[in-house]
């Protein structure tokens, strides 16, 4: 893999800020919507390889849902959903970042190798 340039914090912040513009975000979403199914498969594989869907996660789901006190149960479920959201976002960003690099660098796809 070729050496990649580093991204100064200000440049990353500016790029993230530009995506907060609804028109910019809409354009980004349109760019990937045609490949959403393939991207979902990549996401699912990343989650499986990290054993996210494994017995430890299932135990946390049961623990959160099985708490007797309704307020505590809601708090546990909320924390679990928040954690899943963070992990999902990080995987999505990593996949998007790598996809962008491959497009910019013009790397051949596996079909062209």
N, C-alpha and C. Protein backbone atom coordinates (compact mmCIF):
# COMPACT_ATOMS: atom_id res chain seq x y z
N UNK A 1 0.85 -1.17 0.00
CA UNK A 1 0.00 0.00 0.00
C UNK A 1 0.90 1.24 0.00
N UNK A 2 0.67 2.17 -0.91
CA UNK A 2 1.50 3.37 -0.95
C UNK A 2 1.30 4.24 0.29
N UNK A 3 2.35 4.99 0.60
CA UNK A 3 2.28 5.92 1.73
C UNK A 3 1.20 6.96 1.46
N UNK A 4 0.38 7.21 2.43
CA UNK A 4 -0.67 8.22 2.28
C UNK A 4 -0.26 9.49 2.99
N UNK A 5 -0.71 10.58 2.45
CA UNK A 5 -0.40 11.85 3.09
C UNK A 5 -1.17 11.96 4.39
N UNK A 6 -0.66 12.74 5.31
CA UNK A 6 -1.38 12.97 6.56
C UNK A 6 -2.37 14.11 6.33
N UNK A 7 -3.37 14.17 7.17
CA UNK A 7 -4.40 15.18 7.06
C UNK A 7 -4.34 16.09 8.27
N UNK A 8 -3.98 17.34 8.07
CA UNK A 8 -3.94 18.29 9.20
C UNK A 8 -5.33 18.40 9.83
N UNK A 9 -5.36 18.59 11.13
CA UNK A 9 -6.62 18.68 11.87
C UNK A 9 -7.56 19.72 11.28
N UNK A 10 -7.02 20.87 10.90
CA UNK A 10 -7.87 21.93 10.34
C UNK A 10 -8.52 21.48 9.03
N UNK A 11 -7.80 20.71 8.23
CA UNK A 11 -8.35 20.22 6.97
C UNK A 11 -9.48 19.22 7.21
N UNK A 12 -9.27 18.33 8.19
CA UNK A 12 -10.30 17.36 8.53
C UNK A 12 -11.53 18.08 9.08
N UNK A 13 -11.32 19.04 9.96
CA UNK A 13 -12.44 19.80 10.52
C UNK A 13 -13.23 20.52 9.43
N UNK A 14 -12.53 21.10 8.46
CA UNK A 14 -13.20 21.80 7.36
C UNK A 14 -14.02 20.82 6.52
N UNK A 15 -13.47 19.64 6.27
CA UNK A 15 -14.19 18.64 5.49
C UNK A 15 -15.43 18.16 6.24
N UNK A 16 -15.29 17.91 7.53
CA UNK A 16 -16.44 17.48 8.34
C UNK A 16 -17.49 18.59 8.36
N UNK A 17 -17.05 19.82 8.52
CA UNK A 17 -17.98 20.95 8.54
C UNK A 17 -18.74 21.06 7.23
N UNK A 18 -18.06 20.82 6.12
CA UNK A 18 -18.74 20.94 4.83
C UNK A 18 -19.83 19.88 4.69
N UNK A 19 -19.65 18.72 5.32
CA UNK A 19 -20.68 17.69 5.28
C UNK A 19 -21.88 18.01 6.16
N UNK A 20 -21.74 19.00 7.03
CA UNK A 20 -22.90 19.40 7.83
C UNK A 20 -23.89 20.22 7.01
N UNK A 21 -23.47 20.67 5.84
CA UNK A 21 -24.37 21.36 4.90
C UNK A 21 -25.29 20.29 4.29
N UNK A 22 -26.61 20.42 4.44
CA UNK A 22 -27.53 19.40 3.94
C UNK A 22 -27.34 19.08 2.45
N UNK A 23 -27.03 20.06 1.64
CA UNK A 23 -26.82 19.81 0.21
C UNK A 23 -25.57 18.95 -0.02
N UNK A 24 -24.51 19.24 0.72
CA UNK A 24 -23.28 18.46 0.60
C UNK A 24 -23.50 17.02 1.06
N UNK A 25 -24.20 16.87 2.19
CA UNK A 25 -24.48 15.53 2.70
C UNK A 25 -25.37 14.76 1.73
N UNK A 26 -26.36 15.43 1.15
CA UNK A 26 -27.23 14.78 0.18
C UNK A 26 -26.43 14.27 -1.02
N UNK A 27 -25.48 15.08 -1.48
CA UNK A 27 -24.65 14.66 -2.61
C UNK A 27 -23.81 13.44 -2.23
N UNK A 28 -23.25 13.45 -1.04
CA UNK A 28 -22.45 12.30 -0.58
C UNK A 28 -23.30 11.05 -0.49
N UNK A 29 -24.52 11.19 0.01
CA UNK A 29 -25.41 10.04 0.12
C UNK A 29 -25.79 9.49 -1.26
N UNK A 30 -26.01 10.36 -2.20
CA UNK A 30 -26.35 9.92 -3.55
C UNK A 30 -25.20 9.16 -4.20
N UNK A 31 -23.96 9.57 -3.89
CA UNK A 31 -22.80 8.90 -4.47
C UNK A 31 -22.70 7.43 -4.06
N UNK A 32 -23.13 7.11 -2.85
CA UNK A 32 -22.98 5.73 -2.39
C UNK A 32 -24.27 4.92 -2.43
N UNK A 33 -25.38 5.57 -2.67
CA UNK A 33 -26.66 4.85 -2.60
C UNK A 33 -26.73 3.69 -3.59
N UNK A 34 -26.11 3.81 -4.73
CA UNK A 34 -26.13 2.73 -5.73
C UNK A 34 -25.37 1.50 -5.24
N UNK A 35 -24.48 1.69 -4.28
CA UNK A 35 -23.67 0.58 -3.77
C UNK A 35 -24.01 0.24 -2.32
N UNK A 36 -25.17 0.67 -1.87
CA UNK A 36 -25.53 0.48 -0.47
C UNK A 36 -25.54 -0.99 -0.06
N UNK A 37 -26.02 -1.86 -0.91
CA UNK A 37 -26.07 -3.28 -0.57
C UNK A 37 -24.68 -3.85 -0.37
N UNK A 38 -23.76 -3.53 -1.27
CA UNK A 38 -22.38 -4.01 -1.13
C UNK A 38 -21.72 -3.43 0.12
N UNK A 39 -21.96 -2.16 0.39
CA UNK A 39 -21.39 -1.53 1.58
C UNK A 39 -21.96 -2.16 2.85
N UNK A 40 -23.23 -2.53 2.82
CA UNK A 40 -23.85 -3.20 3.97
C UNK A 40 -23.18 -4.55 4.22
N UNK A 41 -22.84 -5.26 3.16
CA UNK A 41 -22.15 -6.55 3.31
C UNK A 41 -20.77 -6.34 3.94
N UNK A 42 -20.06 -5.30 3.52
CA UNK A 42 -18.75 -4.99 4.11
C UNK A 42 -18.90 -4.68 5.59
N UNK A 43 -19.90 -3.88 5.91
CA UNK A 43 -20.18 -3.52 7.31
C UNK A 43 -20.48 -4.78 8.13
N UNK A 44 -21.37 -5.62 7.61
CA UNK A 44 -21.74 -6.85 8.34
C UNK A 44 -20.53 -7.75 8.56
N UNK A 45 -19.68 -7.86 7.55
CA UNK A 45 -18.48 -8.68 7.69
C UNK A 45 -17.54 -8.10 8.75
N UNK A 46 -17.41 -6.78 8.77
CA UNK A 46 -16.56 -6.15 9.79
C UNK A 46 -17.12 -6.41 11.18
N UNK A 47 -18.42 -6.33 11.33
CA UNK A 47 -19.05 -6.60 12.63
C UNK A 47 -18.87 -8.07 13.01
N UNK A 48 -19.04 -8.97 12.05
CA UNK A 48 -18.86 -10.40 12.33
C UNK A 48 -17.41 -10.71 12.70
N UNK A 49 -16.47 -10.14 11.96
CA UNK A 49 -15.06 -10.44 12.23
C UNK A 49 -14.62 -9.89 13.59
N UNK A 50 -15.29 -8.86 14.07
CA UNK A 50 -15.02 -8.34 15.41
C UNK A 50 -15.83 -9.07 16.47
N UNK A 51 -16.55 -10.11 16.05
CA UNK A 51 -17.42 -10.91 16.91
C UNK A 51 -18.49 -10.05 17.60
N UNK A 52 -18.90 -8.99 16.92
CA UNK A 52 -19.90 -8.10 17.50
C UNK A 52 -21.23 -8.80 17.68
N UNK A 53 -21.55 -9.71 16.77
CA UNK A 53 -22.82 -10.42 16.85
C UNK A 53 -22.71 -11.71 17.66
N UNK A 54 -21.59 -11.90 18.32
CA UNK A 54 -21.33 -13.14 19.04
C UNK A 54 -22.00 -13.22 20.40
N UNK A 55 -21.60 -14.21 21.15
CA UNK A 55 -22.25 -14.51 22.44
C UNK A 55 -22.08 -13.39 23.46
N UNK A 56 -20.94 -12.70 23.44
CA UNK A 56 -20.74 -11.61 24.41
C UNK A 56 -21.75 -10.49 24.17
N UNK A 57 -21.97 -10.16 22.90
CA UNK A 57 -22.95 -9.11 22.58
C UNK A 57 -24.36 -9.57 22.94
N UNK A 58 -24.67 -10.82 22.62
CA UNK A 58 -26.00 -11.34 22.95
C UNK A 58 -26.23 -11.31 24.46
N UNK A 59 -25.20 -11.61 25.23
CA UNK A 59 -25.31 -11.56 26.68
C UNK A 59 -25.60 -10.14 27.16
N UNK A 60 -24.98 -9.15 26.52
CA UNK A 60 -25.24 -7.75 26.88
C UNK A 60 -26.67 -7.34 26.54
N UNK A 61 -27.18 -7.83 25.42
CA UNK A 61 -28.57 -7.55 25.04
C UNK A 61 -29.51 -8.14 26.08
N UNK A 62 -29.30 -9.39 26.45
CA UNK A 62 -30.15 -10.05 27.44
C UNK A 62 -30.05 -9.33 28.78
N UNK A 63 -28.84 -8.95 29.17
CA UNK A 63 -28.64 -8.24 30.43
C UNK A 63 -29.39 -6.90 30.43
N UNK A 64 -29.27 -6.16 29.34
CA UNK A 64 -29.94 -4.85 29.25
C UNK A 64 -31.46 -5.01 29.26
N UNK A 65 -31.95 -5.94 28.47
CA UNK A 65 -33.40 -6.11 28.36
C UNK A 65 -34.00 -6.79 29.59
N UNK A 66 -33.18 -7.57 30.31
CA UNK A 66 -33.70 -8.33 31.43
C UNK A 66 -33.66 -7.64 32.77
N UNK A 67 -33.21 -6.41 32.81
CA UNK A 67 -33.15 -5.67 34.07
C UNK A 67 -34.56 -5.41 34.58
N UNK A 68 -34.80 -5.73 35.84
CA UNK A 68 -36.15 -5.64 36.40
C UNK A 68 -36.66 -4.20 36.51
N UNK A 69 -35.82 -3.30 36.98
CA UNK A 69 -36.25 -1.91 37.17
C UNK A 69 -36.40 -1.24 35.81
N UNK A 70 -37.60 -0.71 35.50
CA UNK A 70 -37.84 -0.12 34.18
C UNK A 70 -36.90 1.03 33.84
N UNK A 71 -36.61 1.89 34.80
CA UNK A 71 -35.71 3.02 34.52
C UNK A 71 -34.29 2.54 34.26
N UNK A 72 -33.84 1.57 35.05
CA UNK A 72 -32.50 1.02 34.84
C UNK A 72 -32.44 0.26 33.51
N UNK A 73 -33.51 -0.48 33.20
CA UNK A 73 -33.55 -1.21 31.93
C UNK A 73 -33.45 -0.25 30.76
N UNK A 74 -34.22 0.84 30.80
CA UNK A 74 -34.16 1.84 29.73
C UNK A 74 -32.77 2.44 29.60
N UNK A 75 -32.13 2.71 30.73
CA UNK A 75 -30.77 3.25 30.70
C UNK A 75 -29.79 2.26 30.09
N UNK A 76 -29.92 0.99 30.46
CA UNK A 76 -29.04 -0.04 29.92
C UNK A 76 -29.24 -0.21 28.42
N UNK A 77 -30.50 -0.26 28.00
CA UNK A 77 -30.79 -0.40 26.57
C UNK A 77 -30.29 0.82 25.80
N UNK A 78 -30.50 2.00 26.36
CA UNK A 78 -30.04 3.24 25.71
C UNK A 78 -28.52 3.23 25.54
N UNK A 79 -27.79 2.81 26.58
CA UNK A 79 -26.32 2.75 26.48
C UNK A 79 -25.87 1.73 25.43
N UNK A 80 -26.57 0.60 25.37
CA UNK A 80 -26.23 -0.42 24.38
C UNK A 80 -26.46 0.11 22.96
N UNK A 81 -27.57 0.77 22.74
CA UNK A 81 -27.86 1.35 21.42
C UNK A 81 -26.84 2.43 21.07
N UNK A 82 -26.48 3.26 22.05
CA UNK A 82 -25.46 4.29 21.81
C UNK A 82 -24.12 3.67 21.43
N UNK A 83 -23.74 2.60 22.13
CA UNK A 83 -22.48 1.93 21.83
C UNK A 83 -22.52 1.33 20.43
N UNK A 84 -23.63 0.69 20.09
CA UNK A 84 -23.76 0.11 18.74
C UNK A 84 -23.71 1.20 17.68
N UNK A 85 -24.31 2.33 17.96
CA UNK A 85 -24.29 3.44 17.00
C UNK A 85 -22.87 3.96 16.80
N UNK A 86 -22.12 4.10 17.88
CA UNK A 86 -20.74 4.58 17.77
C UNK A 86 -19.88 3.61 16.97
N UNK A 87 -20.01 2.32 17.28
CA UNK A 87 -19.23 1.31 16.56
C UNK A 87 -19.61 1.32 15.08
N UNK A 88 -20.91 1.38 14.80
CA UNK A 88 -21.38 1.41 13.41
C UNK A 88 -20.83 2.62 12.67
N UNK A 89 -20.87 3.77 13.32
CA UNK A 89 -20.37 4.99 12.69
C UNK A 89 -18.87 4.87 12.41
N UNK A 90 -18.11 4.36 13.36
CA UNK A 90 -16.67 4.24 13.16
C UNK A 90 -16.34 3.29 12.02
N UNK A 91 -17.04 2.18 11.94
CA UNK A 91 -16.82 1.25 10.83
C UNK A 91 -17.22 1.91 9.52
N UNK A 92 -18.35 2.59 9.50
CA UNK A 92 -18.79 3.28 8.28
C UNK A 92 -17.80 4.33 7.83
N UNK A 93 -17.27 5.09 8.76
CA UNK A 93 -16.28 6.11 8.41
C UNK A 93 -15.01 5.45 7.88
N UNK A 94 -14.58 4.38 8.52
CA UNK A 94 -13.37 3.69 8.06
C UNK A 94 -13.55 3.15 6.65
N UNK A 95 -14.70 2.56 6.38
CA UNK A 95 -14.97 2.04 5.03
C UNK A 95 -15.04 3.19 4.03
N UNK A 96 -15.72 4.27 4.39
CA UNK A 96 -15.82 5.43 3.49
C UNK A 96 -14.46 6.06 3.22
N UNK A 97 -13.65 6.15 4.25
CA UNK A 97 -12.31 6.72 4.12
C UNK A 97 -11.47 5.88 3.17
N UNK A 98 -11.52 4.57 3.35
CA UNK A 98 -10.74 3.67 2.49
C UNK A 98 -11.29 3.70 1.07
N UNK A 99 -12.59 3.73 0.91
CA UNK A 99 -13.19 3.81 -0.42
C UNK A 99 -12.75 5.08 -1.14
N UNK A 100 -12.75 6.19 -0.42
CA UNK A 100 -12.32 7.46 -1.01
C UNK A 100 -10.86 7.38 -1.46
N UNK A 101 -10.00 6.80 -0.63
CA UNK A 101 -8.59 6.66 -1.01
C UNK A 101 -8.44 5.81 -2.27
N UNK A 102 -9.17 4.73 -2.32
CA UNK A 102 -9.05 3.85 -3.49
C UNK A 102 -9.54 4.56 -4.75
N UNK A 103 -10.58 5.34 -4.63
CA UNK A 103 -11.06 6.09 -5.79
C UNK A 103 -10.07 7.17 -6.20
N UNK A 104 -9.53 7.88 -5.23
CA UNK A 104 -8.56 8.95 -5.52
C UNK A 104 -7.28 8.38 -6.12
N UNK A 105 -6.82 7.28 -5.55
CA UNK A 105 -5.57 6.68 -6.00
C UNK A 105 -5.74 5.86 -7.28
N UNK A 106 -6.99 5.64 -7.70
CA UNK A 106 -7.24 4.88 -8.91
C UNK A 106 -6.80 3.44 -8.81
N UNK A 107 -6.91 2.88 -7.61
CA UNK A 107 -6.51 1.50 -7.41
C UNK A 107 -7.45 0.58 -8.20
N UNK A 108 -6.89 -0.45 -8.80
CA UNK A 108 -7.76 -1.37 -9.55
C UNK A 108 -8.68 -2.13 -8.62
N UNK A 109 -9.85 -2.47 -9.13
CA UNK A 109 -10.77 -3.29 -8.36
C UNK A 109 -10.34 -4.72 -8.48
N UNK A 110 -10.93 -5.59 -7.68
CA UNK A 110 -10.58 -6.99 -7.76
C UNK A 110 -10.95 -7.60 -9.10
N UNK A 111 -11.94 -7.04 -9.78
CA UNK A 111 -12.33 -7.51 -11.11
C UNK A 111 -11.25 -7.22 -12.14
N UNK A 112 -10.47 -6.17 -11.93
CA UNK A 112 -9.44 -5.76 -12.89
C UNK A 112 -8.05 -6.28 -12.55
N UNK A 113 -7.91 -6.94 -11.39
CA UNK A 113 -6.58 -7.42 -10.96
C UNK A 113 -6.10 -8.55 -11.83
